[in-house]
Amino acid sequence: MENQPYHYRQCGLDHVYLVNGFERADTNYGDPIRVHDIDGLHRAIGMHLIEQKRPLTGAEVRFIRHELDLSQRGLGDLLDKSGQTVARWEKGEVQIDGTAERLLRLLYKNHAQPSSRTAIRKTLESLALLTLAGGNDESQVRFVEDTAGRWHQAPALA
């Protein structure tokens, strides 16, 4: 039993086994396991999931959402879906649609890579606040070039 892989069910996925990176301790209370660098393990699991060339399962969507520390409603807001829709994905009642799945994979990749950790999430949060309905705003938009030759939107006229 000592050299057997450990079936790591605590992550909520049925197909994860640890070959090493854990310790077993014999006690009167079962077979407790201590996993080394659990955050690193979960990051590796998440990266594996988003790099798979197949649709995510409901349990995998739930795992990624938990890793992002989002509620179902919070993830739904970022993906322009309802919390109920996210719950239905996670229960396996419906398959996550392609666009939402791509955004979820992108969001997780951004989360797992410290170099640009918040850029994509902040962009999705700001996009989620947009209201696409309504009239066209045809007011004048002005741009200025700075001393380094880069263009920026000019401040609004008062």
C-alpha atoms as a PDB file:
ATOM      1  CA  MET A   1       0.000   0.000   0.000  1.00  0.00           C
ATOM      2  CA  GLU A   2       2.944   2.323   0.650  1.00  0.00           C
ATOM      3  CA  ASN A   3       3.916   2.548  -3.050  1.00  0.00           C
ATOM      4  CA  GLN A   4       0.370   2.789  -4.368  1.00  0.00           C
ATOM      5  CA  PRO A   5      -0.828   6.048  -5.932  1.00  0.00           C
ATOM      6  CA  TYR A   6      -3.254   7.947  -3.753  1.00  0.00           C
ATOM      7  CA  HIS A   7      -6.756   8.537  -5.173  1.00  0.00           C
ATOM      8  CA  TYR A   8      -7.111  12.248  -4.443  1.00  0.00           C
ATOM      9  CA  ARG A   9     -10.885  12.708  -4.184  1.00  0.00           C
ATOM     10  CA  GLN A  10     -10.754  15.844  -2.022  1.00  0.00           C
ATOM     11  CA  CYS A  11     -10.561  18.040  -5.138  1.00  0.00           C
ATOM     12  CA  GLY A  12     -13.997  16.855  -6.281  1.00  0.00           C
ATOM     13  CA  LEU A  13     -12.679  15.046  -9.344  1.00  0.00           C
ATOM     14  CA  ASP A  14     -12.822  11.258  -9.676  1.00  0.00           C
ATOM     15  CA  HIS A  15      -9.814  10.801 -11.946  1.00  0.00           C
ATOM     16  CA  VAL A  16      -6.950  12.406  -9.943  1.00  0.00           C
ATOM     17  CA  TYR A  17      -4.249  10.177  -8.449  1.00  0.00           C
ATOM     18  CA  LEU A  18      -1.039  11.278  -6.723  1.00  0.00           C
ATOM     19  CA  VAL A  19       2.102   9.267  -7.402  1.00  0.00           C
ATOM     20  CA  ASN A  20       4.173  11.171  -4.847  1.00  0.00           C
ATOM     21  CA  GLY A  21       4.146  14.499  -3.037  1.00  0.00           C
ATOM     22  CA  PHE A  22       2.120  13.174  -0.115  1.00  0.00           C
ATOM     23  CA  GLU A  23       2.656  11.357   3.163  1.00  0.00           C
ATOM     24  CA  ARG A  24       0.512   8.693   4.767  1.00  0.00           C
ATOM     25  CA  ALA A  25       0.177   8.476   8.520  1.00  0.00           C
ATOM     26  CA  ASP A  26      -1.206   5.395  10.244  1.00  0.00           C
ATOM     27  CA  THR A  27      -3.596   6.307  13.018  1.00  0.00           C
ATOM     28  CA  ASN A  28      -6.619   4.796  14.699  1.00  0.00           C
ATOM     29  CA  TYR A  29      -8.764   7.180  12.648  1.00  0.00           C
ATOM     30  CA  GLY A  30      -8.147   5.827   9.172  1.00  0.00           C
ATOM     31  CA  ASP A  31      -5.499   6.659   6.618  1.00  0.00           C
ATOM     32  CA  PRO A  32      -4.887  10.420   6.800  1.00  0.00           C
ATOM     33  CA  ILE A  33      -2.919  11.966   3.990  1.00  0.00           C
ATOM     34  CA  ARG A  34      -0.806  15.096   4.056  1.00  0.00           C
ATOM     35  CA  VAL A  35      -0.338  16.603   0.594  1.00  0.00           C
ATOM     36  CA  HIS A  36       2.754  18.736  -0.009  1.00  0.00           C
ATOM     37  CA  ASP A  37       2.082  22.130  -1.667  1.00  0.00           C
ATOM     38  CA  ILE A  38      -1.650  21.647  -2.127  1.00  0.00           C
ATOM     39  CA  ASP A  39      -1.947  25.031  -3.878  1.00  0.00           C
ATOM     40  CA  GLY A  40       0.656  23.928  -6.421  1.00  0.00           C
ATOM     41  CA  LEU A  41      -1.147  20.621  -6.900  1.00  0.00           C
ATOM     42  CA  HIS A  42      -4.460  22.379  -7.536  1.00  0.00           C
ATOM     43  CA  ARG A  43      -2.780  24.763  -9.970  1.00  0.00           C
ATOM     44  CA  ALA A  44      -1.333  21.762 -11.865  1.00  0.00           C
ATOM     45  CA  ILE A  45      -4.765  20.084 -11.933  1.00  0.00           C
ATOM     46  CA  GLY A  46      -6.404  23.289 -13.177  1.00  0.00           C
ATOM     47  CA  MET A  47      -3.806  23.813 -15.905  1.00  0.00           C
ATOM     48  CA  HIS A  48      -4.241  20.201 -16.995  1.00  0.00           C
ATOM     49  CA  LEU A  49      -8.002  20.699 -17.240  1.00  0.00           C
ATOM     50  CA  ILE A  50      -7.880  23.883 -19.311  1.00  0.00           C
ATOM     51  CA  GLU A  51      -5.298  22.433 -21.707  1.00  0.00           C
ATOM     52  CA  GLN A  52      -7.406  19.345 -22.494  1.00  0.00           C
ATOM     53  CA  LYS A  53      -8.811  19.264 -26.013  1.00  0.00           C
ATOM     54  CA  ARG A  54     -12.253  18.148 -24.913  1.00  0.00           C
ATOM     55  CA  PRO A  55     -15.198  19.865 -23.253  1.00  0.00           C
ATOM     56  CA  LEU A  56     -15.027  20.389 -19.502  1.00  0.00           C
ATOM     57  CA  THR A  57     -17.275  18.230 -17.339  1.00  0.00           C
ATOM     58  CA  GLY A  58     -19.526  19.720 -14.683  1.00  0.00           C
ATOM     59  CA  ALA A  59     -17.164  18.640 -11.899  1.00  0.00           C
ATOM     60  CA  GLU A  60     -14.260  20.260 -13.748  1.00  0.00           C
ATOM     61  CA  VAL A  61     -16.172  23.538 -14.129  1.00  0.00           C
ATOM     62  CA  ARG A  62     -16.885  23.417 -10.367  1.00  0.00           C
ATOM     63  CA  PHE A  63     -13.209  22.704  -9.571  1.00  0.00           C
ATOM     64  CA  ILE A  64     -12.058  25.661 -11.687  1.00  0.00           C
ATOM     65  CA  ARG A  65     -14.716  27.946 -10.177  1.00  0.00           C
ATOM     66  CA  HIS A  66     -13.621  27.001  -6.664  1.00  0.00           C
ATOM     67  CA  GLU A  67      -9.983  27.634  -7.583  1.00  0.00           C
ATOM     68  CA  LEU A  68     -10.982  31.078  -8.846  1.00  0.00           C
ATOM     69  CA  ASP A  69     -12.710  31.650  -5.484  1.00  0.00           C
ATOM     70  CA  LEU A  70     -15.969  32.599  -7.176  1.00  0.00           C
ATOM     71  CA  SER A  71     -19.574  31.839  -6.349  1.00  0.00           C
ATOM     72  CA  GLN A  72     -21.795  30.459  -9.080  1.00  0.00           C
ATOM     73  CA  ARG A  73     -23.316  33.905  -9.433  1.00  0.00           C
ATOM     74  CA  GLY A  74     -19.875  35.557  -9.497  1.00  0.00           C
ATOM     75  CA  LEU A  75     -18.669  33.283 -12.292  1.00  0.00           C
ATOM     76  CA  GLY A  76     -21.951  33.766 -14.121  1.00  0.00           C
ATOM     77  CA  ASP A  77     -21.561  37.542 -13.932  1.00  0.00           C
ATOM     78  CA  LEU A  78     -18.083  37.345 -15.467  1.00  0.00           C
ATOM     79  CA  LEU A  79     -19.313  35.067 -18.271  1.00  0.00           C
ATOM     80  CA  ASP A  80     -22.606  36.953 -18.839  1.00  0.00           C
ATOM     81  CA  LYS A  81     -24.619  33.976 -17.564  1.00  0.00           C
ATOM     82  CA  SER A  82     -26.856  33.466 -14.564  1.00  0.00           C
ATOM     83  CA  GLY A  83     -25.735  31.694 -11.424  1.00  0.00           C
ATOM     84  CA  GLN A  84     -28.441  29.122 -12.181  1.00  0.00           C
ATOM     85  CA  THR A  85     -26.848  28.411 -15.558  1.00  0.00           C
ATOM     86  CA  VAL A  86     -23.485  27.819 -13.858  1.00  0.00           C
ATOM     87  CA  ALA A  87     -25.205  25.477 -11.372  1.00  0.00           C
ATOM     88  CA  ARG A  88     -26.737  23.519 -14.262  1.00  0.00           C
ATOM     89  CA  TRP A  89     -23.293  23.162 -15.900  1.00  0.00           C
ATOM     90  CA  GLU A  90     -21.819  21.903 -12.654  1.00  0.00           C
ATOM     91  CA  LYS A  91     -24.633  19.382 -12.142  1.00  0.00           C
ATOM     92  CA  GLY A  92     -24.123  18.113 -15.686  1.00  0.00           C
ATOM     93  CA  GLU A  93     -27.669  19.072 -16.687  1.00  0.00           C
ATOM     94  CA  VAL A  94     -26.400  21.089 -19.649  1.00  0.00           C
ATOM     95  CA  GLN A  95     -23.012  21.423 -21.314  1.00  0.00           C
ATOM     96  CA  ILE A  96     -21.190  24.737 -20.929  1.00  0.00           C
ATOM     97  CA  ASP A  97     -21.387  26.628 -24.216  1.00  0.00           C
ATOM     98  CA  GLY A  98     -18.230  27.105 -26.257  1.00  0.00           C
ATOM     99  CA  THR A  99     -17.764  30.827 -25.720  1.00  0.00           C
ATOM    100  CA  ALA A 100     -18.277  30.609 -21.959  1.00  0.00           C
ATOM    101  CA  GLU A 101     -15.923  27.635 -21.763  1.00  0.00           C
ATOM    102  CA  ARG A 102     -13.192  29.462 -23.668  1.00  0.00           C
ATOM    103  CA  LEU A 103     -13.552  32.470 -21.379  1.00  0.00           C
ATOM    104  CA  LEU A 104     -13.463  30.223 -18.301  1.00  0.00           C
ATOM    105  CA  ARG A 105     -10.264  28.568 -19.535  1.00  0.00           C
ATOM    106  CA  LEU A 106      -8.735  31.973 -20.250  1.00  0.00           C
ATOM    107  CA  LEU A 107      -9.796  33.267 -16.846  1.00  0.00           C
ATOM    108  CA  TYR A 108      -8.208  30.287 -15.091  1.00  0.00           C
ATOM    109  CA  LYS A 109      -4.992  30.536 -17.100  1.00  0.00           C
ATOM    110  CA  ASN A 110      -4.740  34.178 -16.096  1.00  0.00           C
ATOM    111  CA  HIS A 111      -5.322  33.195 -12.455  1.00  0.00           C
ATOM    112  CA  ALA A 112      -2.655  30.483 -12.534  1.00  0.00           C
ATOM    113  CA  GLN A 113       0.037  32.659 -14.122  1.00  0.00           C
ATOM    114  CA  PRO A 114       1.281  35.206 -11.574  1.00  0.00           C
ATOM    115  CA  SER A 115       2.846  37.507 -14.178  1.00  0.00           C
ATOM    116  CA  SER A 116      -0.526  38.790 -15.388  1.00  0.00           C
ATOM    117  CA  ARG A 117      -2.798  37.592 -12.625  1.00  0.00           C
ATOM    118  CA  THR A 118      -5.452  40.314 -12.656  1.00  0.00           C
ATOM    119  CA  ALA A 119      -5.440  41.737 -16.186  1.00  0.00           C
ATOM    120  CA  ILE A 120      -7.955  39.356 -17.763  1.00  0.00           C
ATOM    121  CA  ARG A 121     -10.194  39.167 -14.704  1.00  0.00           C
ATOM    122  CA  LYS A 122     -10.395  42.964 -14.471  1.00  0.00           C
ATOM    123  CA  THR A 123     -11.173  43.155 -18.183  1.00  0.00           C
ATOM    124  CA  LEU A 124     -13.964  40.579 -17.856  1.00  0.00           C
ATOM    125  CA  GLU A 125     -15.322  42.383 -14.782  1.00  0.00           C
ATOM    126  CA  SER A 126     -15.459  45.670 -16.673  1.00  0.00           C
ATOM    127  CA  LEU A 127     -17.030  43.984 -19.715  1.00  0.00           C
ATOM    128  CA  ALA A 128     -19.655  42.398 -17.459  1.00  0.00           C
ATOM    129  CA  LEU A 129     -20.716  45.900 -16.391  1.00  0.00           C
ATOM    130  CA  LEU A 130     -21.420  46.980 -19.957  1.00  0.00           C
ATOM    131  CA  THR A 131     -25.001  47.317 -20.997  1.00  0.00           C
ATOM    132  CA  LEU A 132     -25.217  46.533 -24.675  1.00  0.00           C
ATOM    133  CA  ALA A 133     -28.820  47.665 -24.981  1.00  0.00           C
ATOM    134  CA  GLY A 134     -29.808  51.265 -25.440  1.00  0.00           C
ATOM    135  CA  GLY A 135     -29.178  54.054 -27.865  1.00  0.00           C
ATOM    136  CA  ASN A 136     -26.026  54.877 -29.729  1.00  0.00           C
ATOM    137  CA  ASP A 137     -23.757  57.424 -28.099  1.00  0.00           C
ATOM    138  CA  GLU A 138     -22.478  59.416 -31.042  1.00  0.00           C
ATOM    139  CA  SER A 139     -20.874  62.167 -28.950  1.00  0.00           C
ATOM    140  CA  GLN A 140     -17.447  63.382 -29.932  1.00  0.00           C
ATOM    141  CA  VAL A 141     -14.499  61.284 -28.759  1.00  0.00           C
ATOM    142  CA  ARG A 142     -11.128  63.034 -28.825  1.00  0.00           C
ATOM    143  CA  PHE A 143      -7.640  61.534 -28.829  1.00  0.00           C
ATOM    144  CA  VAL A 144      -4.280  63.107 -28.055  1.00  0.00           C
ATOM    145  CA  GLU A 145      -0.751  62.013 -28.816  1.00  0.00           C
ATOM    146  CA  ASP A 146       1.670  62.211 -25.894  1.00  0.00           C
ATOM    147  CA  THR A 147       5.321  63.232 -26.068  1.00  0.00           C
ATOM    148  CA  ALA A 148       6.382  59.608 -26.619  1.00  0.00           C
ATOM    149  CA  GLY A 149       4.142  59.306 -29.675  1.00  0.00           C
ATOM    150  CA  ARG A 150       1.439  57.178 -28.005  1.00  0.00           C
ATOM    151  CA  TRP A 151      -2.212  57.960 -28.511  1.00  0.00           C
ATOM    152  CA  HIS A 152      -4.698  58.239 -25.630  1.00  0.00           C
ATOM    153  CA  GLN A 153      -8.288  59.254 -25.271  1.00  0.00           C
ATOM    154  CA  ALA A 154      -8.421  62.898 -24.273  1.00  0.00           C
ATOM    155  CA  PRO A 155     -10.317  63.925 -21.140  1.00  0.00           C
ATOM    156  CA  ALA A 156     -13.957  64.761 -21.739  1.00  0.00           C
ATOM    157  CA  LEU A 157     -14.851  68.374 -22.279  1.00  0.00           C
ATOM    158  CA  ALA A 158     -16.449  70.035 -19.275  1.00  0.00           C
END
